[in-house]
Structure formats: C-alpha cells, structure tokens
Amino acid sequence: MAKEFICIVCPRGCHVSVDDLGKITGNQCKRGETYVINEMTNPKRVLTTTVKTIFPEVPRASVKTKEAIPKGLIYQAMALINQVVIEKEMHIGEVIIPNILNTGVDVVLTKEIRRKEER
C-alpha cells in the first residue's frame, strides 16, 4: 500500500507518494525526496511551546528547540520543559535547556522577559 506525504520543505506542498517498492513520485525537486526519506526513517520536528515565569506581566514565555529533534522524543522533551520556571530577566535566543535529552539541540527563549518598568 502506497504512503502519501505532503512535502513541507518549500511552499509548493508537493503531494509525494512512496509505493510498496520504495519508489518516490510526485516531488518536484530533490529536497522533496530527501524529506520523504527522512520522514520514513527518522522524523524530526522543531518543538515550540511555553515555559512558566515568575513575572505577573509575562506569566509564560515562548521557547523552541533551536533545531529539529527526533519526533519520538517530543513527549520526554515536553516533560523537561514543563519543569522550567524562569526567575530572571532574559533575552531572545538565550538557552533555557542546553542539549535537551542529549540530542545536541538547545531549547531557546523566543520572547523577551523583562520586569515591567515603574513610571
């Protein structure tokens, strides 16, 4: 039975099929073929989520993995990320969790964390 994929490498969104013999069709470029092979052998995703902070004006801050991690590790990664509480001012791009689950990928902040300035 053929497997169907929608390639997300570029905006084209090619509908790519892989037949029972492993023949790949429907991709309009080599990157689509590579994408499908990776999806079949070791799917990865960039994980985006939020972490708690101690600041009432920013109770949660957005974070993401700097690169894609194996899809099978998403739930374990979320369990670690959910334990984090930011207790200091931080800048976009600062590492929240280095080398999460020994993947070589850092979890980084994607939102500025600053105290609300008194006027």
PDB file of N, CA and C in Angstrom:
ATOM      1  N   MET A   1       0.847  -1.188   0.000  1.00  0.00           N
ATOM      2  CA  MET A   1       0.000   0.000   0.000  1.00  0.00           C
ATOM      3  C   MET A   1       0.887   1.245   0.000  1.00  0.00           C
ATOM      4  N   ALA A   2       0.608   2.170  -0.870  1.00  0.00           N
ATOM      5  CA  ALA A   2       1.411   3.391  -1.012  1.00  0.00           C
ATOM      6  C   ALA A   2       1.206   4.305   0.193  1.00  0.00           C
ATOM      7  N   LYS A   3       2.280   5.009   0.551  1.00  0.00           N
ATOM      8  CA  LYS A   3       2.205   6.019   1.612  1.00  0.00           C
ATOM      9  C   LYS A   3       2.181   7.383   0.937  1.00  0.00           C
ATOM     10  N   GLU A   4       1.400   8.278   1.498  1.00  0.00           N
ATOM     11  CA  GLU A   4       1.254   9.621   0.955  1.00  0.00           C
ATOM     12  C   GLU A   4       1.840  10.641   1.927  1.00  0.00           C
ATOM     13  N   PHE A   5       2.541  11.626   1.389  1.00  0.00           N
ATOM     14  CA  PHE A   5       3.123  12.707   2.172  1.00  0.00           C
ATOM     15  C   PHE A   5       2.838  14.024   1.477  1.00  0.00           C
ATOM     16  N   ILE A   6       2.768  15.085   2.266  1.00  0.00           N
ATOM     17  CA  ILE A   6       2.762  16.430   1.701  1.00  0.00           C
ATOM     18  C   ILE A   6       4.079  17.048   2.128  1.00  0.00           C
ATOM     19  N   CYS A   7       4.911  17.350   1.182  1.00  0.00           N
ATOM     20  CA  CYS A   7       6.238  17.898   1.458  1.00  0.00           C
ATOM     21  C   CYS A   7       6.094  19.316   2.016  1.00  0.00           C
ATOM     22  N   ILE A   8       6.825  19.596   3.090  1.00  0.00           N
ATOM     23  CA  ILE A   8       6.757  20.920   3.722  1.00  0.00           C
ATOM     24  C   ILE A   8       8.075  21.681   3.613  1.00  0.00           C
ATOM     25  N   VAL A   9       8.970  21.218   2.755  1.00  0.00           N
ATOM     26  CA  VAL A   9      10.280  21.860   2.625  1.00  0.00           C
ATOM     27  C   VAL A   9      10.165  23.236   1.983  1.00  0.00           C
ATOM     28  N   CYS A  10       9.284  23.379   1.017  1.00  0.00           N
ATOM     29  CA  CYS A  10       9.098  24.677   0.361  1.00  0.00           C
ATOM     30  C   CYS A  10       7.597  24.952   0.250  1.00  0.00           C
ATOM     31  N   PRO A  11       7.220  26.129  -0.203  1.00  0.00           N
ATOM     32  CA  PRO A  11       5.792  26.482  -0.278  1.00  0.00           C
ATOM     33  C   PRO A  11       4.970  25.692  -1.299  1.00  0.00           C
ATOM     34  N   ARG A  12       5.605  24.946  -2.189  1.00  0.00           N
ATOM     35  CA  ARG A  12       4.846  24.195  -3.198  1.00  0.00           C
ATOM     36  C   ARG A  12       3.897  23.183  -2.585  1.00  0.00           C
ATOM     37  N   GLY A  13       4.328  22.499  -1.523  1.00  0.00           N
ATOM     38  CA  GLY A  13       3.491  21.489  -0.878  1.00  0.00           C
ATOM     39  C   GLY A  13       3.198  20.304  -1.777  1.00  0.00           C
ATOM     40  N   CYS A  14       4.226  19.758  -2.394  1.00  0.00           N
ATOM     41  CA  CYS A  14       4.048  18.624  -3.303  1.00  0.00           C
ATOM     42  C   CYS A  14       3.404  17.435  -2.589  1.00  0.00           C
ATOM     43  N   HIS A  15       2.520  16.761  -3.298  1.00  0.00           N
ATOM     44  CA  HIS A  15       1.925  15.514  -2.817  1.00  0.00           C
ATOM     45  C   HIS A  15       2.830  14.388  -3.308  1.00  0.00           C
ATOM     46  N   VAL A  16       3.529  13.788  -2.371  1.00  0.00           N
ATOM     47  CA  VAL A  16       4.544  12.787  -2.701  1.00  0.00           C
ATOM     48  C   VAL A  16       4.053  11.416  -2.261  1.00  0.00           C
ATOM     49  N   SER A  17       4.241  10.422  -3.134  1.00  0.00           N
ATOM     50  CA  SER A  17       3.834   9.047  -2.843  1.00  0.00           C
ATOM     51  C   SER A  17       5.053   8.144  -2.815  1.00  0.00           C
ATOM     52  N   VAL A  18       4.978   7.127  -1.967  1.00  0.00           N
ATOM     53  CA  VAL A  18       6.006   6.084  -1.933  1.00  0.00           C
ATOM     54  C   VAL A  18       5.269   4.765  -2.095  1.00  0.00           C
ATOM     55  N   ASP A  19       5.603   4.034  -3.172  1.00  0.00           N
ATOM     56  CA  ASP A  19       4.903   2.763  -3.406  1.00  0.00           C
ATOM     57  C   ASP A  19       5.537   1.637  -2.585  1.00  0.00           C
ATOM     58  N   ASP A  20       4.994   0.443  -2.711  1.00  0.00           N
ATOM     59  CA  ASP A  20       5.456  -0.711  -1.939  1.00  0.00           C
ATOM     60  C   ASP A  20       6.898  -1.090  -2.241  1.00  0.00           C
ATOM     61  N   LEU A  21       7.394  -0.693  -3.391  1.00  0.00           N
ATOM     62  CA  LEU A  21       8.779  -0.985  -3.760  1.00  0.00           C
ATOM     63  C   LEU A  21       9.737   0.124  -3.348  1.00  0.00           C
ATOM     64  N   GLY A  22       9.203   1.193  -2.742  1.00  0.00           N
ATOM     65  CA  GLY A  22      10.028   2.308  -2.284  1.00  0.00           C
ATOM     66  C   GLY A  22      10.250   3.384  -3.322  1.00  0.00           C
ATOM     67  N   LYS A  23       9.549   3.310  -4.448  1.00  0.00           N
ATOM     68  CA  LYS A  23       9.695   4.336  -5.478  1.00  0.00           C
ATOM     69  C   LYS A  23       8.944   5.596  -5.048  1.00  0.00           C
ATOM     70  N   ILE A  24       9.647   6.718  -5.121  1.00  0.00           N
ATOM     71  CA  ILE A  24       9.092   8.007  -4.696  1.00  0.00           C
ATOM     72  C   ILE A  24       8.675   8.796  -5.925  1.00  0.00           C
ATOM     73  N   THR A  25       7.425   9.266  -5.929  1.00  0.00           N
ATOM     74  CA  THR A  25       6.916  10.058  -7.046  1.00  0.00           C
ATOM     75  C   THR A  25       6.129  11.258  -6.528  1.00  0.00           C
ATOM     76  N   GLY A  26       6.027  12.280  -7.356  1.00  0.00           N
ATOM     77  CA  GLY A  26       5.230  13.451  -7.029  1.00  0.00           C
ATOM     78  C   GLY A  26       6.038  14.646  -6.563  1.00  0.00           C
ATOM     79  N   ASN A  27       7.280  14.411  -6.153  1.00  0.00           N
ATOM     80  CA  ASN A  27       8.116  15.532  -5.713  1.00  0.00           C
ATOM     81  C   ASN A  27       8.629  16.287  -6.930  1.00  0.00           C
ATOM     82  N   GLN A  28       8.676  17.614  -6.821  1.00  0.00           N
ATOM     83  CA  GLN A  28       9.143  18.430  -7.932  1.00  0.00           C
ATOM     84  C   GLN A  28      10.613  18.810  -7.804  1.00  0.00           C
ATOM     85  N   CYS A  29      11.236  18.400  -6.683  1.00  0.00           N
ATOM     86  CA  CYS A  29      12.668  18.660  -6.528  1.00  0.00           C
ATOM     87  C   CYS A  29      13.290  17.575  -5.659  1.00  0.00           C
ATOM     88  N   LYS A  30      14.596  17.535  -5.641  1.00  0.00           N
ATOM     89  CA  LYS A  30      15.346  16.534  -4.868  1.00  0.00           C
ATOM     90  C   LYS A  30      15.079  16.682  -3.366  1.00  0.00           C
ATOM     91  N   ARG A  31      14.832  17.921  -2.919  1.00  0.00           N
ATOM     92  CA  ARG A  31      14.585  18.138  -1.484  1.00  0.00           C
ATOM     93  C   ARG A  31      13.329  17.400  -1.020  1.00  0.00           C
ATOM     94  N   GLY A  32      12.345  17.272  -1.893  1.00  0.00           N
ATOM     95  CA  GLY A  32      11.127  16.535  -1.545  1.00  0.00           C
ATOM     96  C   GLY A  32      11.406  15.066  -1.320  1.00  0.00           C
ATOM     97  N   GLU A  33      12.263  14.507  -2.147  1.00  0.00           N
ATOM     98  CA  GLU A  33      12.651  13.102  -1.976  1.00  0.00           C
ATOM     99  C   GLU A  33      13.378  12.907  -0.650  1.00  0.00           C
ATOM    100  N   THR A  34      14.307  13.818  -0.345  1.00  0.00           N
ATOM    101  CA  THR A  34      15.047  13.747   0.921  1.00  0.00           C
ATOM    102  C   THR A  34      14.099  13.881   2.101  1.00  0.00           C
ATOM    103  N   TYR A  35      13.149  14.794   2.007  1.00  0.00           N
ATOM    104  CA  TYR A  35      12.164  14.997   3.072  1.00  0.00           C
ATOM    105  C   TYR A  35      11.403  13.702   3.344  1.00  0.00           C
ATOM    106  N   VAL A  36      10.919  13.056   2.307  1.00  0.00           N
ATOM    107  CA  VAL A  36      10.128  11.837   2.475  1.00  0.00           C
ATOM    108  C   VAL A  36      10.982  10.713   3.055  1.00  0.00           C
ATOM    109  N   ILE A  37      12.197  10.577   2.604  1.00  0.00           N
ATOM    110  CA  ILE A  37      13.082   9.542   3.148  1.00  0.00           C
ATOM    111  C   ILE A  37      13.300   9.781   4.644  1.00  0.00           C
ATOM    112  N   ASN A  38      13.554  11.038   5.017  1.00  0.00           N
ATOM    113  CA  ASN A  38      13.740  11.359   6.435  1.00  0.00           C
ATOM    114  C   ASN A  38      12.465  11.107   7.241  1.00  0.00           C
ATOM    115  N   GLU A  39      11.319  11.439   6.679  1.00  0.00           N
ATOM    116  CA  GLU A  39      10.043  11.206   7.371  1.00  0.00           C
ATOM    117  C   GLU A  39       9.795   9.717   7.594  1.00  0.00           C
ATOM    118  N   MET A  40      10.249   8.900   6.687  1.00  0.00           N
ATOM    119  CA  MET A  40      10.034   7.459   6.804  1.00  0.00           C
ATOM    120  C   MET A  40      11.057   6.802   7.739  1.00  0.00           C
ATOM    121  N   THR A  41      12.254   7.348   7.828  1.00  0.00           N
ATOM    122  CA  THR A  41      13.311   6.696   8.597  1.00  0.00           C
ATOM    123  C   THR A  41      13.560   7.322   9.962  1.00  0.00           C
ATOM    124  N   ASN A  42      13.513   8.645  10.068  1.00  0.00           N
ATOM    125  CA  ASN A  42      13.791   9.317  11.333  1.00  0.00           C
ATOM    126  C   ASN A  42      13.117  10.689  11.341  1.00  0.00           C
ATOM    127  N   PRO A  43      11.799  10.722  11.534  1.00  0.00           N
ATOM    128  CA  PRO A  43      11.106  12.011  11.502  1.00  0.00           C
ATOM    129  C   PRO A  43      11.554  12.918  12.645  1.00  0.00           C
ATOM    130  N   LYS A  44      11.710  14.193  12.342  1.00  0.00           N
ATOM    131  CA  LYS A  44      12.128  15.186  13.336  1.00  0.00           C
ATOM    132  C   LYS A  44      11.199  16.389  13.266  1.00  0.00           C
ATOM    133  N   ARG A  45      11.106  17.104  14.392  1.00  0.00           N
ATOM    134  CA  ARG A  45      10.285  18.304  14.448  1.00  0.00           C
ATOM    135  C   ARG A  45      10.961  19.350  15.324  1.00  0.00           C
ATOM    136  N   VAL A  46      10.740  20.620  14.981  1.00  0.00           N
ATOM    137  CA  VAL A  46      11.114  21.708  15.882  1.00  0.00           C
ATOM    138  C   VAL A  46       9.971  21.803  16.885  1.00  0.00           C
ATOM    139  N   LEU A  47      10.315  21.803  18.159  1.00  0.00           N
ATOM    140  CA  LEU A  47       9.322  21.846  19.224  1.00  0.00           C
ATOM    141  C   LEU A  47       9.152  23.284  19.688  1.00  0.00           C
ATOM    142  N   THR A  48       7.945  23.792  19.613  1.00  0.00           N
ATOM    143  CA  THR A  48       7.642  25.140  20.110  1.00  0.00           C
ATOM    144  C   THR A  48       6.616  25.009  21.220  1.00  0.00           C
ATOM    145  N   THR A  49       6.850  25.745  22.316  1.00  0.00           N
ATOM    146  CA  THR A  49       5.957  25.674  23.463  1.00  0.00           C
ATOM    147  C   THR A  49       6.189  26.888  24.353  1.00  0.00           C
ATOM    148  N   THR A  50       5.742  26.827  25.583  1.00  0.00           N
ATOM    149  CA  THR A  50       5.960  27.918  26.530  1.00  0.00           C
ATOM    150  C   THR A  50       6.482  27.363  27.852  1.00  0.00           C
ATOM    151  N   VAL A  51       7.112  28.248  28.635  1.00  0.00           N
ATOM    152  CA  VAL A  51       7.553  27.909  29.988  1.00  0.00           C
ATOM    153  C   VAL A  51       6.995  28.938  30.955  1.00  0.00           C
ATOM    154  N   LYS A  52       6.888  28.541  32.204  1.00  0.00           N
ATOM    155  CA  LYS A  52       6.394  29.449  33.241  1.00  0.00           C
ATOM    156  C   LYS A  52       7.476  30.458  33.600  1.00  0.00           C
ATOM    157  N   THR A  53       7.040  31.628  34.076  1.00  0.00           N
ATOM    158  CA  THR A  53       7.957  32.624  34.623  1.00  0.00           C
ATOM    159  C   THR A  53       7.395  33.081  35.970  1.00  0.00           C
ATOM    160  N   ILE A  54       8.201  33.825  36.716  1.00  0.00           N
ATOM    161  CA  ILE A  54       7.726  34.382  37.997  1.00  0.00           C
ATOM    162  C   ILE A  54       7.151  35.781  37.823  1.00  0.00           C
ATOM    163  N   PHE A  55       7.155  36.288  36.598  1.00  0.00           N
ATOM    164  CA  PHE A  55       6.722  37.655  36.339  1.00  0.00           C
ATOM    165  C   PHE A  55       5.234  37.714  35.999  1.00  0.00           C
ATOM    166  N   PRO A  56       4.435  38.439  36.802  1.00  0.00           N
ATOM    167  CA  PRO A  56       2.999  38.520  36.536  1.00  0.00           C
ATOM    168  C   PRO A  56       2.674  39.114  35.161  1.00  0.00           C
ATOM    169  N   GLU A  57       3.510  40.046  34.699  1.00  0.00           N
ATOM    170  CA  GLU A  57       3.234  40.663  33.396  1.00  0.00           C
ATOM    171  C   GLU A  57       3.573  39.741  32.220  1.00  0.00           C
ATOM    172  N   VAL A  58       4.369  38.704  32.473  1.00  0.00           N
ATOM    173  CA  VAL A  58       4.694  37.693  31.451  1.00  0.00           C
ATOM    174  C   VAL A  58       4.654  36.329  32.144  1.00  0.00           C
ATOM    175  N   PRO A  59       3.450  35.789  32.388  1.00  0.00           N
ATOM    176  CA  PRO A  59       3.363  34.540  33.136  1.00  0.00           C
ATOM    177  C   PRO A  59       3.920  33.323  32.399  1.00  0.00           C
ATOM    178  N   ARG A  60       3.921  33.379  31.081  1.00  0.00           N
ATOM    179  CA  ARG A  60       4.505  32.294  30.274  1.00  0.00           C
ATOM    180  C   ARG A  60       5.326  32.935  29.158  1.00  0.00           C
ATOM    181  N   ALA A  61       6.424  32.283  28.828  1.00  0.00           N
ATOM    182  CA  ALA A  61       7.296  32.793  27.766  1.00  0.00           C
ATOM    183  C   ALA A  61       7.469  31.710  26.703  1.00  0.00           C
ATOM    184  N   SER A  62       7.490  32.118  25.453  1.00  0.00           N
ATOM    185  CA  SER A  62       7.626  31.155  24.367  1.00  0.00           C
ATOM    186  C   SER A  62       9.080  30.699  24.217  1.00  0.00           C
ATOM    187  N   VAL A  63       9.222  29.404  23.914  1.00  0.00           N
ATOM    188  CA  VAL A  63      10.528  28.783  23.686  1.00  0.00           C
ATOM    189  C   VAL A  63      10.414  27.828  22.511  1.00  0.00           C
ATOM    190  N   LYS A  64      11.560  27.422  21.981  1.00  0.00           N
ATOM    191  CA  LYS A  64      11.573  26.421  20.917  1.00  0.00           C
ATOM    192  C   LYS A  64      12.914  25.706  20.921  1.00  0.00           C
ATOM    193  N   THR A  65      12.936  24.547  20.287  1.00  0.00           N
ATOM    194  CA  THR A  65      14.218  23.886  20.081  1.00  0.00           C
ATOM    195  C   THR A  65      14.910  24.617  18.940  1.00  0.00           C
ATOM    196  N   LYS A  66      16.203  24.798  19.075  1.00  0.00           N
ATOM    197  CA  LYS A  66      16.947  25.564  18.071  1.00  0.00           C
ATOM    198  C   LYS A  66      16.978  24.843  16.727  1.00  0.00           C
ATOM    199  N   GLU A  67      16.872  23.532  16.775  1.00  0.00           N
ATOM    200  CA  GLU A  67      16.812  22.693  15.572  1.00  0.00           C
ATOM    201  C   GLU A  67      15.783  21.604  15.828  1.00  0.00           C
ATOM    202  N   ALA A  68      15.507  20.822  14.817  1.00  0.00           N
ATOM    203  CA  ALA A  68      14.553  19.725  14.966  1.00  0.00           C
ATOM    204  C   ALA A  68      15.149  18.618  15.833  1.00  0.00           C
ATOM    205  N   ILE A  69      14.275  17.982  16.609  1.00  0.00           N
ATOM    206  CA  ILE A  69      14.670  16.828  17.412  1.00  0.00           C
ATOM    207  C   ILE A  69      13.848  15.627  16.952  1.00  0.00           C
ATOM    208  N   PRO A  70      14.298  14.415  17.246  1.00  0.00           N
ATOM    209  CA  PRO A  70      13.514  13.242  16.835  1.00  0.00           C
ATOM    210  C   PRO A  70      12.088  13.300  17.380  1.00  0.00           C
ATOM    211  N   LYS A  71      11.148  13.010  16.514  1.00  0.00           N
ATOM    212  CA  LYS A  71       9.736  13.091  16.866  1.00  0.00           C
ATOM    213  C   LYS A  71       9.402  12.200  18.061  1.00  0.00           C
ATOM    214  N   GLY A  72      10.077  11.087  18.201  1.00  0.00           N
ATOM    215  CA  GLY A  72       9.845  10.164  19.301  1.00  0.00           C
ATOM    216  C   GLY A  72      10.242  10.711  20.669  1.00  0.00           C
ATOM    217  N   LEU A  73      10.991  11.811  20.697  1.00  0.00           N
ATOM    218  CA  LEU A  73      11.418  12.400  21.960  1.00  0.00           C
ATOM    219  C   LEU A  73      10.567  13.598  22.387  1.00  0.00           C
ATOM    220  N   ILE A  74       9.563  13.936  21.617  1.00  0.00           N
ATOM    221  CA  ILE A  74       8.762  15.136  21.894  1.00  0.00           C
ATOM    222  C   ILE A  74       8.148  15.105  23.289  1.00  0.00           C
ATOM    223  N   TYR A  75       7.523  13.995  23.682  1.00  0.00           N
ATOM    224  CA  TYR A  75       6.864  13.942  24.994  1.00  0.00           C
ATOM    225  C   TYR A  75       7.869  14.019  26.141  1.00  0.00           C
ATOM    226  N   GLN A  76       9.012  13.355  26.003  1.00  0.00           N
ATOM    227  CA  GLN A  76      10.048  13.447  27.025  1.00  0.00           C
ATOM    228  C   GLN A  76      10.580  14.872  27.121  1.00  0.00           C
ATOM    229  N   ALA A  77      10.775  15.517  25.983  1.00  0.00           N
ATOM    230  CA  ALA A  77      11.265  16.894  25.969  1.00  0.00           C
ATOM    231  C   ALA A  77      10.253  17.818  26.641  1.00  0.00           C
ATOM    232  N   MET A  78       8.977  17.623  26.358  1.00  0.00           N
ATOM    233  CA  MET A  78       7.937  18.449  26.985  1.00  0.00           C
ATOM    234  C   MET A  78       7.919  18.257  28.500  1.00  0.00           C
ATOM    235  N   ALA A  79       8.152  17.043  28.973  1.00  0.00           N
ATOM    236  CA  ALA A  79       8.182  16.788  30.417  1.00  0.00           C
ATOM    237  C   ALA A  79       9.297  17.607  31.072  1.00  0.00           C
ATOM    238  N   LEU A  80      10.450  17.699  30.420  1.00  0.00           N
ATOM    239  CA  LEU A  80      11.555  18.503  30.954  1.00  0.00           C
ATOM    240  C   LEU A  80      11.249  20.001  30.877  1.00  0.00           C
ATOM    241  N   ILE A  81      10.734  20.430  29.741  1.00  0.00           N
ATOM    242  CA  ILE A  81      10.438  21.849  29.545  1.00  0.00           C
ATOM    243  C   ILE A  81       9.385  22.322  30.544  1.00  0.00           C
ATOM    244  N   ASN A  82       8.405  21.468  30.831  1.00  0.00           N
ATOM    245  CA  ASN A  82       7.333  21.842  31.762  1.00  0.00           C
ATOM    246  C   ASN A  82       7.819  22.029  33.194  1.00  0.00           C
ATOM    247  N   GLN A  83       9.024  21.576  33.503  1.00  0.00           N
ATOM    248  CA  GLN A  83       9.590  21.754  34.842  1.00  0.00           C
ATOM    249  C   GLN A  83      10.310  23.094  34.998  1.00  0.00           C
ATOM    250  N   VAL A  84      10.544  23.791  33.904  1.00  0.00           N
ATOM    251  CA  VAL A  84      11.310  25.037  33.923  1.00  0.00           C
ATOM    252  C   VAL A  84      10.438  26.204  34.393  1.00  0.00           C
ATOM    253  N   VAL A  85      11.024  27.040  35.263  1.00  0.00           N
ATOM    254  CA  VAL A  85      10.405  28.300  35.665  1.00  0.00           C
ATOM    255  C   VAL A  85      11.488  29.375  35.536  1.00  0.00           C
ATOM    256  N   ILE A  86      11.235  30.371  34.694  1.00  0.00           N
ATOM    257  CA  ILE A  86      12.201  31.457  34.501  1.00  0.00           C
ATOM    258  C   ILE A  86      12.063  32.446  35.657  1.00  0.00           C
ATOM    259  N   GLU A  87      13.193  32.720  36.320  1.00  0.00           N
ATOM    260  CA  GLU A  87      13.185  33.576  37.508  1.00  0.00           C
ATOM    261  C   GLU A  87      14.015  34.844  37.346  1.00  0.00           C
ATOM    262  N   LYS A  88      14.502  35.097  36.129  1.00  0.00           N
ATOM    263  CA  LYS A  88      15.307  36.302  35.905  1.00  0.00           C
ATOM    264  C   LYS A  88      14.975  36.868  34.536  1.00  0.00           C
ATOM    265  N   GLU A  89      15.353  38.126  34.324  1.00  0.00           N
ATOM    266  CA  GLU A  89      15.165  38.728  33.006  1.00  0.00           C
ATOM    267  C   GLU A  89      16.062  38.009  32.005  1.00  0.00           C
ATOM    268  N   MET A  90      15.534  37.791  30.812  1.00  0.00           N
ATOM    269  CA  MET A  90      16.288  37.080  29.776  1.00  0.00           C
ATOM    270  C   MET A  90      15.975  37.685  28.414  1.00  0.00           C
ATOM    271  N   HIS A  91      16.848  37.388  27.463  1.00  0.00           N
ATOM    272  CA  HIS A  91      16.703  37.913  26.108  1.00  0.00           C
ATOM    273  C   HIS A  91      16.397  36.793  25.119  1.00  0.00           C
ATOM    274  N   ILE A  92      15.798  37.174  24.011  1.00  0.00           N
ATOM    275  CA  ILE A  92      15.512  36.228  22.937  1.00  0.00           C
ATOM    276  C   ILE A  92      16.812  35.530  22.525  1.00  0.00           C
ATOM    277  N   GLY A  93      16.738  34.224  22.362  1.00  0.00           N
ATOM    278  CA  GLY A  93      17.889  33.431  21.938  1.00  0.00           C
ATOM    279  C   GLY A  93      18.689  32.821  23.074  1.00  0.00           C
ATOM    280  N   GLU A  94      18.438  33.273  24.312  1.00  0.00           N
ATOM    281  CA  GLU A  94      19.164  32.681  25.441  1.00  0.00           C
ATOM    282  C   GLU A  94      18.725  31.231  25.635  1.00  0.00           C
ATOM    283  N   VAL A  95      19.686  30.400  26.025  1.00  0.00           N
ATOM    284  CA  VAL A  95      19.428  28.976  26.199  1.00  0.00           C
ATOM    285  C   VAL A  95      18.692  28.737  27.517  1.00  0.00           C
ATOM    286  N   ILE A  96      17.586  28.035  27.424  1.00  0.00           N
ATOM    287  CA  ILE A  96      16.792  27.654  28.584  1.00  0.00           C
ATOM    288  C   ILE A  96      17.222  26.264  29.063  1.00  0.00           C
ATOM    289  N   ILE A  97      17.340  25.327  28.122  1.00  0.00           N
ATOM    290  CA  ILE A  97      17.815  23.971  28.419  1.00  0.00           C
ATOM    291  C   ILE A  97      18.867  23.620  27.367  1.00  0.00           C
ATOM    292  N   PRO A  98      20.124  23.452  27.786  1.00  0.00           N
ATOM    293  CA  PRO A  98      21.142  23.051  26.818  1.00  0.00           C
ATOM    294  C   PRO A  98      21.046  21.554  26.505  1.00  0.00           C
ATOM    295  N   ASN A  99      21.294  21.192  25.263  1.00  0.00           N
ATOM    296  CA  ASN A  99      21.431  19.790  24.854  1.00  0.00           C
ATOM    297  C   ASN A  99      20.291  18.913  25.398  1.00  0.00           C
ATOM    298  N   ILE A 100      19.069  19.290  25.104  1.00  0.00           N
ATOM    299  CA  ILE A 100      17.924  18.556  25.664  1.00  0.00           C
ATOM    300  C   ILE A 100      17.962  17.088  25.246  1.00  0.00           C
ATOM    301  N   LEU A 101      17.848  16.222  26.232  1.00  0.00           N
ATOM    302  CA  LEU A 101      17.831  14.769  26.048  1.00  0.00           C
ATOM    303  C   LEU A 101      19.030  14.266  25.242  1.00  0.00           C
ATOM    304  N   ASN A 102      20.165  14.931  25.399  1.00  0.00           N
ATOM    305  CA  ASN A 102      21.405  14.551  24.706  1.00  0.00           C
ATOM    306  C   ASN A 102      21.249  14.523  23.183  1.00  0.00           C
ATOM    307  N   THR A 103      20.422  15.414  22.658  1.00  0.00           N
ATOM    308  CA  THR A 103      20.220  15.492  21.205  1.00  0.00           C
ATOM    309  C   THR A 103      21.223  16.432  20.540  1.00  0.00           C
ATOM    310  N   GLY A 104      21.922  17.234  21.363  1.00  0.00           N
ATOM    311  CA  GLY A 104      22.807  18.247  20.811  1.00  0.00           C
ATOM    312  C   GLY A 104      22.057  19.522  20.457  1.00  0.00           C
ATOM    313  N   VAL A 105      20.774  19.588  20.791  1.00  0.00           N
ATOM    314  CA  VAL A 105      19.920  20.721  20.448  1.00  0.00           C
ATOM    315  C   VAL A 105      19.516  21.454  21.731  1.00  0.00           C
ATOM    316  N   ASP A 106      19.664  22.781  21.707  1.00  0.00           N
ATOM    317  CA  ASP A 106      19.281  23.607  22.846  1.00  0.00           C
ATOM    318  C   ASP A 106      17.841  24.080  22.711  1.00  0.00           C
ATOM    319  N   VAL A 107      17.197  24.297  23.866  1.00  0.00           N
ATOM    320  CA  VAL A 107      15.895  24.956  23.904  1.00  0.00           C
ATOM    321  C   VAL A 107      16.178  26.420  24.206  1.00  0.00           C
ATOM    322  N   VAL A 108      15.679  27.315  23.350  1.00  0.00           N
ATOM    323  CA  VAL A 108      15.985  28.741  23.485  1.00  0.00           C
ATOM    324  C   VAL A 108      14.711  29.566  23.659  1.00  0.00           C
ATOM    325  N   LEU A 109      14.890  30.716  24.277  1.00  0.00           N
ATOM    326  CA  LEU A 109      13.802  31.652  24.517  1.00  0.00           C
ATOM    327  C   LEU A 109      13.465  32.395  23.221  1.00  0.00           C
ATOM    328  N   THR A 110      12.182  32.589  22.951  1.00  0.00           N
ATOM    329  CA  THR A 110      11.771  33.341  21.760  1.00  0.00           C
ATOM    330  C   THR A 110      10.967  34.581  22.125  1.00  0.00           C
ATOM    331  N   LYS A 111      11.014  34.957  23.417  1.00  0.00           N
ATOM    332  CA  LYS A 111      10.310  36.159  23.885  1.00  0.00           C
ATOM    333  C   LYS A 111      11.170  36.833  24.948  1.00  0.00           C
ATOM    334  N   GLU A 112      11.258  38.152  24.875  1.00  0.00           N
ATOM    335  CA  GLU A 112      11.986  38.909  25.898  1.00  0.00           C
ATOM    336  C   GLU A 112      11.272  38.770  27.238  1.00  0.00           C
ATOM    337  N   ILE A 113      12.034  38.581  28.282  1.00  0.00           N
ATOM    338  CA  ILE A 113      11.472  38.527  29.631  1.00  0.00           C
ATOM    339  C   ILE A 113      12.062  39.698  30.402  1.00  0.00           C
ATOM    340  N   ARG A 114      11.228  40.694  30.670  1.00  0.00           N
ATOM    341  CA  ARG A 114      11.650  41.880  31.403  1.00  0.00           C
ATOM    342  C   ARG A 114      10.601  42.259  32.428  1.00  0.00           C
ATOM    343  N   ARG A 115      11.080  42.809  33.520  1.00  0.00           N
ATOM    344  CA  ARG A 115      10.160  43.340  34.534  1.00  0.00           C
ATOM    345  C   ARG A 115       9.475  44.555  33.942  1.00  0.00           C
ATOM    346  N   LYS A 116       8.252  44.758  34.307  1.00  0.00           N
ATOM    347  CA  LYS A 116       7.542  45.950  33.872  1.00  0.00           C
ATOM    348  C   LYS A 116       8.174  47.152  34.564  1.00  0.00           C
ATOM    349  N   GLU A 117       8.530  48.142  33.790  1.00  0.00           N
ATOM    350  CA  GLU A 117       9.190  49.327  34.360  1.00  0.00           C
ATOM    351  C   GLU A 117       8.192  50.214  35.080  1.00  0.00           C
ATOM    352  N   GLU A 118       8.616  50.702  36.245  1.00  0.00           N
ATOM    353  CA  GLU A 118       7.777  51.625  37.018  1.00  0.00           C
ATOM    354  C   GLU A 118       7.813  53.002  36.361  1.00  0.00           C
ATOM    355  N   ARG A 119       6.701  53.703  36.348  1.00  0.00           N
ATOM    356  CA  ARG A 119       6.665  55.031  35.740  1.00  0.00           C
ATOM    357  C   ARG A 119       6.538  56.089  36.772  1.00  0.00           C
TER     358      ARG A 119
END
